[in-house]
Amino acid sequence: MSAIDSIDRRHSVLATTGVLLLNLGTPEAPTPAAIRRYLKPFLSDRRVVELPRALWLTILYAFILPLRPRRLAHSYASIWMTPGPQGSPLLHHSQLQRDGLREWLAQELGQPVPVALGMTYGQPGIEGALAELEAQNVRRILVLPLYPQYSASSTGAALDAVFRALQTRRWMPEIRTINSYHDEAAWITALAQSLSDHWDTKGRAEHLLISFHSIPRQYFLDGDPYYCYCEKTARLIAEKLQLERNSWSVSYQSRLGNQPWLQPYTDLVIPQLARSGVHALDVICPGFSADCLETLEEVALRYRDDFINAGGRTFRYVPALNAAPAHIDALGRMISRHLTGWLPEADTDGAVRIARAKAAEAQMKSPTLLDRPA
């Protein structure tokens, strides 16, 4: 029996409101086979790669899927926490965020609010997350992709997956979506405080690099707002901390292929900073709500080596907000604002509506005059 088949479809149950958190996804293990299973749907998504399909699928199946998973296995293994899928840092931190938001919403709103977690690619999947909410009779769903800056290749792809899953539902739930929170005041404050705390305990470096995941430049030229949102996030962080303009900069990481992506490229900027005389560098990645391969391995390990090899002395990666209380508080406040009107203080006629629904169900299950044989 599938997850959707097990859902309670009785009309005589009071509907509730829930939250669906979304993130990219993760391999189930740091092995080539598991990484290949994860990469296949991810890199096949038209939102992620907008090259002509025949050309891209040839490249994907002939070169990337046979070769890249073997190269990535060592990278994933270097950050894996424990054996099994819970060893994925992204999954681990995302689950803690889900649990933290459940607790925050129940405490602040005075009533339990179901919160489920789904990944656009891999497990736990969006279908299972929707079924989890439906099993609690959630009829109103607030969808929050955990991408602070909207891009069609991340937020857009995640919302596509949600709506594809909803196509199988006879009774569609009400849906609200949060497309971006790149300038959310409480979230900016949480990021600034994380930097301030880092500097209080470890000292402040000469330069702060704010690195975001890159996207192909053509996506921006075609109307994607991601670049503008990233630049605004960085500016607001700097303003909150009252940083001098020459003490921080922005760069873009994780590009793939030969086409131009958003620049300047982080992997080129970091050694350039070292060669220009910057001896101590702090790097923060506010485009990631949870630490993952791109932050823990690409930035904290590989880029650190690049900085040291180019003459730098001290390189520190400032962790993502993950499930820090300030992050949960910022997300919780944003969620509660978007739930306005969906959480009534009291359902005064709930008992009456349940009684009427039960009567209707009983009537539908009983033979009618038209059903009886002549």
Protein backbone atom coordinates (compact mmCIF):
# COMPACT_ATOMS: atom_id res chain seq x y z
CA MET A 1 0.00 0.00 0.00
CA SER A 2 1.43 3.39 -0.99
CA ALA A 3 1.66 6.38 1.29
CA ILE A 4 -1.21 8.11 -0.47
CA ASP A 5 -3.44 5.01 -0.14
CA SER A 6 -3.02 5.03 3.64
CA ILE A 7 -4.35 8.59 4.07
CA ASP A 8 -7.52 9.03 6.12
CA ARG A 9 -10.04 10.38 3.62
CA ARG A 10 -12.92 10.79 6.08
CA HIS A 11 -14.74 14.11 5.74
CA SER A 12 -15.62 14.03 9.44
CA VAL A 13 -12.14 15.06 10.61
CA LEU A 14 -11.21 18.66 11.36
CA ALA A 15 -8.70 20.04 8.87
CA THR A 16 -5.40 21.46 10.13
CA THR A 17 -2.61 23.66 8.81
CA GLY A 18 0.97 22.47 8.29
CA VAL A 19 4.38 23.50 6.98
CA LEU A 20 6.43 21.75 4.31
CA LEU A 21 10.16 22.44 4.43
CA LEU A 22 12.14 21.75 1.26
CA ASN A 23 15.83 21.37 0.54
CA LEU A 24 17.88 20.08 -2.36
CA GLY A 25 18.67 16.52 -1.27
CA THR A 26 21.60 14.29 -0.54
CA PRO A 27 22.99 10.88 -1.45
CA GLU A 28 22.02 8.12 0.97
CA ALA A 29 25.67 7.15 1.38
CA PRO A 30 29.11 8.46 0.31
CA THR A 31 29.43 5.81 -2.41
CA PRO A 32 29.55 6.14 -6.20
CA ALA A 33 26.33 4.16 -6.61
CA ALA A 34 24.38 6.28 -4.11
CA ILE A 35 25.79 9.51 -5.53
CA ARG A 36 24.86 8.42 -9.05
CA ARG A 37 21.24 7.74 -7.94
CA TYR A 38 21.10 11.23 -6.44
CA LEU A 39 22.76 13.07 -9.34
CA LYS A 40 20.65 11.48 -12.09
CA PRO A 41 17.31 13.21 -11.32
CA PHE A 42 19.07 16.35 -10.08
CA LEU A 43 21.09 16.95 -13.23
CA SER A 44 18.22 15.77 -15.46
CA ASP A 45 15.97 18.57 -14.17
CA ARG A 46 15.27 21.13 -16.89
CA ARG A 47 15.24 23.84 -14.23
CA VAL A 48 18.78 22.99 -13.17
CA VAL A 49 20.37 22.62 -16.61
CA GLU A 50 18.79 24.62 -19.44
CA LEU A 51 21.03 23.39 -22.27
CA PRO A 52 19.38 21.75 -25.30
CA ARG A 53 18.15 18.36 -24.07
CA ALA A 54 19.77 16.14 -26.67
CA LEU A 55 23.17 17.75 -26.09
CA TRP A 56 22.93 17.78 -22.31
CA LEU A 57 21.60 14.24 -21.89
CA THR A 58 24.42 12.94 -24.08
CA ILE A 59 26.95 14.68 -21.85
CA LEU A 60 25.18 13.57 -18.68
CA TYR A 61 24.93 9.88 -19.53
CA ALA A 62 28.19 9.54 -21.45
CA PHE A 63 30.50 11.48 -19.15
CA ILE A 64 29.08 12.92 -15.94
CA LEU A 65 27.14 9.99 -14.46
CA PRO A 66 29.84 7.40 -15.25
CA LEU A 67 32.73 9.55 -13.95
CA ARG A 68 31.66 12.25 -11.51
CA PRO A 69 30.20 10.01 -8.75
CA ARG A 70 33.56 8.27 -8.33
CA ARG A 71 35.30 11.63 -7.94
CA LEU A 72 32.67 12.88 -5.50
CA ALA A 73 32.72 9.77 -3.29
CA HIS A 74 35.91 10.89 -1.54
CA SER A 75 34.50 14.40 -1.05
CA TYR A 76 31.31 13.11 0.54
CA ALA A 77 33.25 10.62 2.68
CA SER A 78 35.38 13.46 4.07
CA ILE A 79 32.32 15.17 5.61
CA TRP A 80 30.06 12.16 6.34
CA MET A 81 29.06 12.04 9.99
CA THR A 82 28.05 8.41 10.63
CA PRO A 83 27.23 5.35 8.51
CA GLY A 84 23.84 5.50 6.83
CA PRO A 85 21.69 8.35 5.45
CA GLN A 86 21.70 10.25 8.76
CA GLY A 87 25.42 10.70 8.18
CA SER A 88 24.63 13.38 5.61
CA PRO A 89 25.23 16.81 7.20
CA LEU A 90 22.51 18.37 5.06
CA LEU A 91 19.94 15.79 6.14
CA HIS A 92 21.04 15.92 9.77
CA HIS A 93 20.78 19.70 10.04
CA SER A 94 17.54 19.83 8.02
CA GLN A 95 15.91 17.34 10.38
CA LEU A 96 17.02 19.41 13.37
CA GLN A 97 15.52 22.49 11.71
CA ARG A 98 12.24 20.64 11.19
CA ASP A 99 12.13 19.51 14.82
CA GLY A 100 13.13 22.94 16.09
CA LEU A 101 10.40 24.64 14.09
CA ARG A 102 7.77 22.21 15.35
CA GLU A 103 8.71 23.10 18.91
CA TRP A 104 8.94 26.84 18.20
CA LEU A 105 5.57 27.02 16.46
CA ALA A 106 3.80 24.99 19.13
CA GLN A 107 5.20 27.22 21.86
CA GLU A 108 4.75 30.57 20.14
CA LEU A 109 1.39 29.91 18.50
CA GLY A 110 -0.11 27.96 21.36
CA GLN A 111 -1.06 24.97 19.21
CA PRO A 112 0.77 22.18 17.40
CA VAL A 113 1.59 22.84 13.76
CA PRO A 114 2.69 19.79 11.73
CA VAL A 115 6.04 20.35 10.02
CA ALA A 116 7.38 17.90 7.42
CA LEU A 117 10.66 17.79 5.53
CA GLY A 118 11.03 16.83 1.88
CA MET A 119 13.97 16.83 -0.53
CA THR A 120 13.61 17.79 -4.18
CA TYR A 121 15.90 14.89 -5.10
CA GLY A 122 16.43 11.75 -3.05
CA GLN A 123 15.04 10.86 0.36
CA PRO A 124 13.08 11.86 2.35
CA GLY A 125 11.06 12.72 -0.73
CA ILE A 126 8.36 15.31 -1.24
CA GLU A 127 5.69 12.67 -1.84
CA GLY A 128 6.36 11.14 1.57
CA ALA A 129 6.41 14.56 3.25
CA LEU A 130 3.03 15.46 1.74
CA ALA A 131 1.60 12.10 2.84
CA GLU A 132 2.93 12.76 6.35
CA LEU A 133 1.04 16.05 6.47
CA GLU A 134 -2.10 14.55 4.92
CA ALA A 135 -2.10 11.77 7.50
CA GLN A 136 -2.55 14.57 10.06
CA ASN A 137 -5.43 15.93 7.95
CA VAL A 138 -3.48 18.99 6.88
CA ARG A 139 -5.57 20.84 4.30
CA ARG A 140 -3.57 24.08 4.24
CA ILE A 141 0.16 23.85 3.53
CA LEU A 142 2.75 26.59 3.75
CA VAL A 143 5.70 25.58 1.56
CA LEU A 144 9.11 26.93 2.56
CA PRO A 145 12.07 26.06 0.31
CA LEU A 146 15.15 26.55 2.49
CA TYR A 147 16.89 28.65 -0.14
CA PRO A 148 17.19 32.23 1.14
CA GLN A 149 17.69 33.66 -2.36
CA TYR A 150 15.22 32.58 -5.04
CA SER A 151 16.53 30.95 -8.19
CA ALA A 152 14.60 28.99 -10.77
CA SER A 153 17.21 26.24 -10.48
CA SER A 154 16.67 25.77 -6.73
CA THR A 155 13.43 27.25 -5.38
CA GLY A 156 11.69 26.92 -8.73
CA ALA A 157 12.69 23.29 -9.10
CA ALA A 158 11.54 22.51 -5.56
CA LEU A 159 8.13 24.07 -6.10
CA ASP A 160 7.80 22.23 -9.43
CA ALA A 161 8.28 18.96 -7.53
CA VAL A 162 5.60 19.88 -5.00
CA PHE A 163 3.04 20.72 -7.63
CA ARG A 164 3.84 17.58 -9.62
CA ALA A 165 3.14 15.53 -6.50
CA LEU A 166 -0.11 17.41 -5.89
CA GLN A 167 -1.35 16.49 -9.37
CA THR A 168 -2.15 13.02 -8.03
CA ARG A 169 -4.49 14.38 -5.34
CA ARG A 170 -8.22 14.38 -5.85
CA TRP A 171 -8.69 16.93 -3.08
CA MET A 172 -6.04 19.59 -3.53
CA PRO A 173 -4.90 21.37 -0.39
CA GLU A 174 -4.65 25.13 -0.15
CA ILE A 175 -1.06 26.20 -0.79
CA ARG A 176 1.03 29.20 0.13
CA THR A 177 4.69 29.49 -0.80
CA ILE A 178 7.62 31.53 0.48
CA ASN A 179 9.80 32.21 -2.55
CA SER A 180 12.65 34.07 -0.89
CA TYR A 181 13.79 35.46 2.43
CA HIS A 182 17.05 37.05 1.34
CA ASP A 183 16.27 40.31 3.16
CA GLU A 184 14.27 38.98 6.12
CA ALA A 185 15.31 41.24 9.00
CA ALA A 186 15.48 38.56 11.71
CA TRP A 187 17.43 36.24 9.41
CA ILE A 188 19.96 38.96 8.55
CA THR A 189 20.33 39.65 12.27
CA ALA A 190 20.96 35.94 12.93
CA LEU A 191 23.69 35.86 10.26
CA ALA A 192 25.32 39.01 11.59
CA GLN A 193 25.21 37.66 15.13
CA SER A 194 26.83 34.40 14.03
CA LEU A 195 29.71 36.39 12.55
CA SER A 196 29.97 38.56 15.65
CA ASP A 197 30.04 35.48 17.90
CA HIS A 198 32.67 33.90 15.66
CA TRP A 199 34.86 36.98 15.92
CA ASP A 200 34.39 37.18 19.70
CA THR A 201 35.68 33.63 20.17
CA LYS A 202 38.25 33.26 17.38
CA GLY A 203 39.24 36.79 16.51
CA ARG A 204 38.40 38.76 13.40
CA ALA A 205 40.24 38.14 10.15
CA GLU A 206 41.54 40.90 7.91
CA HIS A 207 38.90 40.20 5.29
CA LEU A 208 35.41 38.68 5.13
CA LEU A 209 34.43 36.83 1.96
CA ILE A 210 30.70 36.25 1.46
CA SER A 211 30.39 33.32 -0.95
CA PHE A 212 27.20 32.21 -2.68
CA HIS A 213 26.50 29.24 -4.93
CA SER A 214 26.79 30.40 -8.51
CA ILE A 215 24.39 29.93 -11.43
CA PRO A 216 25.00 30.35 -15.17
CA ARG A 217 25.14 34.02 -16.11
CA GLN A 218 22.55 33.42 -18.83
CA TYR A 219 19.95 32.56 -16.17
CA PHE A 220 20.38 36.08 -14.76
CA LEU A 221 20.19 37.63 -18.23
CA ASP A 222 16.95 35.69 -18.79
CA GLY A 223 15.39 37.26 -15.70
CA ASP A 224 16.41 35.14 -12.69
CA PRO A 225 16.61 37.46 -9.62
CA TYR A 226 19.16 35.31 -7.77
CA TYR A 227 22.20 37.54 -8.33
CA CYS A 228 20.37 40.65 -7.11
CA TYR A 229 19.11 38.83 -4.03
CA CYS A 230 22.60 37.55 -3.16
CA GLU A 231 24.12 41.00 -3.51
CA LYS A 232 21.40 42.47 -1.29
CA THR A 233 21.91 39.80 1.38
CA ALA A 234 25.64 40.57 1.47
CA ARG A 235 25.05 44.31 1.65
CA LEU A 236 22.55 43.96 4.51
CA ILE A 237 24.97 41.78 6.50
CA ALA A 238 27.73 44.33 6.03
CA GLU A 239 25.43 47.18 7.02
CA LYS A 240 24.23 45.32 10.10
CA LEU A 241 27.84 44.81 11.22
CA GLN A 242 28.87 48.31 10.08
CA LEU A 243 31.74 46.89 8.04
CA GLU A 244 34.03 49.14 6.06
CA ARG A 245 33.61 48.56 2.33
CA ASN A 246 37.18 47.37 1.72
CA SER A 247 36.95 44.79 4.53
CA TRP A 248 34.51 42.46 2.75
CA SER A 249 33.66 41.17 -0.72
CA VAL A 250 31.28 38.83 -2.53
CA SER A 251 32.07 35.84 -4.73
CA TYR A 252 30.33 32.86 -6.33
CA GLN A 253 31.28 29.20 -6.01
CA SER A 254 30.49 25.69 -7.30
CA ARG A 255 30.33 26.40 -11.01
CA LEU A 256 30.16 23.48 -13.43
CA GLY A 257 31.11 23.35 -17.10
CA ASN A 258 32.64 25.94 -19.40
CA GLN A 259 29.83 28.46 -19.83
CA PRO A 260 30.14 31.78 -17.94
CA TRP A 261 28.63 31.73 -14.44
CA LEU A 262 28.12 34.55 -11.94
CA GLN A 263 31.44 36.14 -11.05
CA PRO A 264 33.85 36.67 -9.41
CA TYR A 265 34.56 32.98 -8.87
CA THR A 266 35.32 32.02 -5.28
CA ASP A 267 38.01 29.50 -6.22
CA LEU A 268 39.91 32.29 -8.01
CA VAL A 269 39.22 35.05 -5.50
CA ILE A 270 40.57 33.16 -2.48
CA PRO A 271 44.14 32.60 -3.75
CA GLN A 272 44.13 36.14 -5.18
CA LEU A 273 43.36 37.52 -1.71
CA ALA A 274 46.26 35.53 -0.25
CA ARG A 275 48.65 36.75 -2.96
CA SER A 276 47.52 40.35 -2.41
CA GLY A 277 48.65 40.22 1.21
CA VAL A 278 45.55 39.05 3.12
CA HIS A 279 46.97 36.74 5.79
CA ALA A 280 43.70 35.90 7.61
CA LEU A 281 40.40 35.23 5.85
CA ASP A 282 36.90 34.47 7.13
CA VAL A 283 34.36 32.95 4.72
CA ILE A 284 30.60 32.74 5.24
CA CYS A 285 28.06 31.19 2.83
CA PRO A 286 24.63 32.73 3.53
CA GLY A 287 23.03 31.07 0.53
CA PHE A 288 23.03 27.74 2.40
CA SER A 289 20.55 27.24 5.22
CA ALA A 290 22.39 24.09 6.33
CA ASP A 291 25.95 22.90 5.98
CA CYS A 292 26.53 20.46 3.14
CA LEU A 293 29.14 19.31 0.62
CA GLU A 294 29.54 22.77 -0.87
CA THR A 295 30.34 24.39 2.47
CA LEU A 296 32.07 21.68 4.50
CA GLU A 297 34.22 20.16 1.76
CA GLU A 298 34.46 22.71 -1.04
CA VAL A 299 34.91 25.80 1.14
CA ALA A 300 36.16 24.63 4.53
CA LEU A 301 38.62 22.05 3.15
CA ARG A 302 39.55 22.67 -0.48
CA TYR A 303 39.44 26.47 -0.48
CA ARG A 304 41.35 26.53 2.79
CA ASP A 305 44.14 24.56 1.12
CA ASP A 306 44.07 26.96 -1.84
CA PHE A 307 44.41 29.94 0.50
CA ILE A 308 47.30 28.45 2.48
CA ASN A 309 49.10 27.28 -0.65
CA ALA A 310 48.86 30.80 -2.08
CA GLY A 311 50.55 32.31 0.98
CA GLY A 312 47.69 32.86 3.40
CA ARG A 313 48.06 31.91 7.04
CA THR A 314 44.63 31.66 8.71
CA PHE A 315 41.45 30.54 6.97
CA ARG A 316 38.19 30.11 8.88
CA TYR A 317 34.84 28.98 7.55
CA VAL A 318 31.91 30.39 9.55
CA PRO A 319 29.31 27.58 9.78
CA ALA A 320 25.83 27.87 8.33
CA LEU A 321 23.07 28.80 10.75
CA ASN A 322 21.82 25.20 10.71
CA ALA A 323 19.49 24.69 13.70
CA ALA A 324 20.88 27.53 15.83
CA PRO A 325 18.17 29.05 18.06
CA ALA A 326 18.44 32.43 16.29
CA HIS A 327 17.88 30.71 12.92
CA ILE A 328 14.87 28.77 14.17
CA ASP A 329 13.48 31.96 15.68
CA ALA A 330 13.93 33.87 12.41
CA LEU A 331 12.32 31.13 10.32
CA GLY A 332 9.57 30.65 12.89
CA ARG A 333 8.66 34.34 12.89
CA MET A 334 8.55 34.35 9.10
CA ILE A 335 6.40 31.21 9.01
CA SER A 336 3.95 32.52 11.61
CA ARG A 337 3.54 35.73 9.62
CA HIS A 338 2.76 33.78 6.45
CA LEU A 339 0.27 31.62 8.35
CA THR A 340 -1.83 34.67 9.21
CA GLY A 341 -5.51 33.82 8.80
CA TRP A 342 -4.88 30.10 8.59
CA LEU A 343 -4.75 29.41 12.32
CA PRO A 344 -8.07 30.43 13.92
CA GLU A 345 -7.99 31.04 17.65
CA ALA A 346 -10.96 28.72 18.21
CA ASP A 347 -13.13 26.51 16.01
CA THR A 348 -16.49 27.17 17.64
CA ASP A 349 -18.54 25.20 15.14
CA GLY A 350 -16.12 22.29 14.71
CA ALA A 351 -18.30 19.78 16.55
CA VAL A 352 -21.32 20.75 14.45
CA ARG A 353 -19.41 20.36 11.19
CA ILE A 354 -18.07 16.96 12.24
CA ALA A 355 -21.56 15.75 13.08
CA ARG A 356 -22.88 16.88 9.70
CA ALA A 357 -19.96 15.23 7.88
CA LYS A 358 -20.50 11.95 9.73
CA ALA A 359 -24.16 12.01 8.78
CA ALA A 360 -23.24 12.63 5.14
CA GLU A 361 -20.73 9.76 5.18
CA ALA A 362 -23.32 7.41 6.69
CA GLN A 363 -25.87 8.45 4.08
CA MET A 364 -23.44 7.87 1.22
CA LYS A 365 -22.66 4.38 2.51
CA SER A 366 -26.34 3.37 2.81
CA PRO A 367 -28.42 2.08 -0.10
CA THR A 368 -30.67 4.72 -1.63
CA LEU A 369 -33.91 4.20 -3.49
CA LEU A 370 -31.99 4.41 -6.74
CA ASP A 371 -29.51 1.77 -5.58
CA ARG A 372 -32.11 -0.80 -4.56
CA PRO A 373 -33.15 -3.49 -7.08
CA ALA A 374 -36.64 -3.17 -8.59
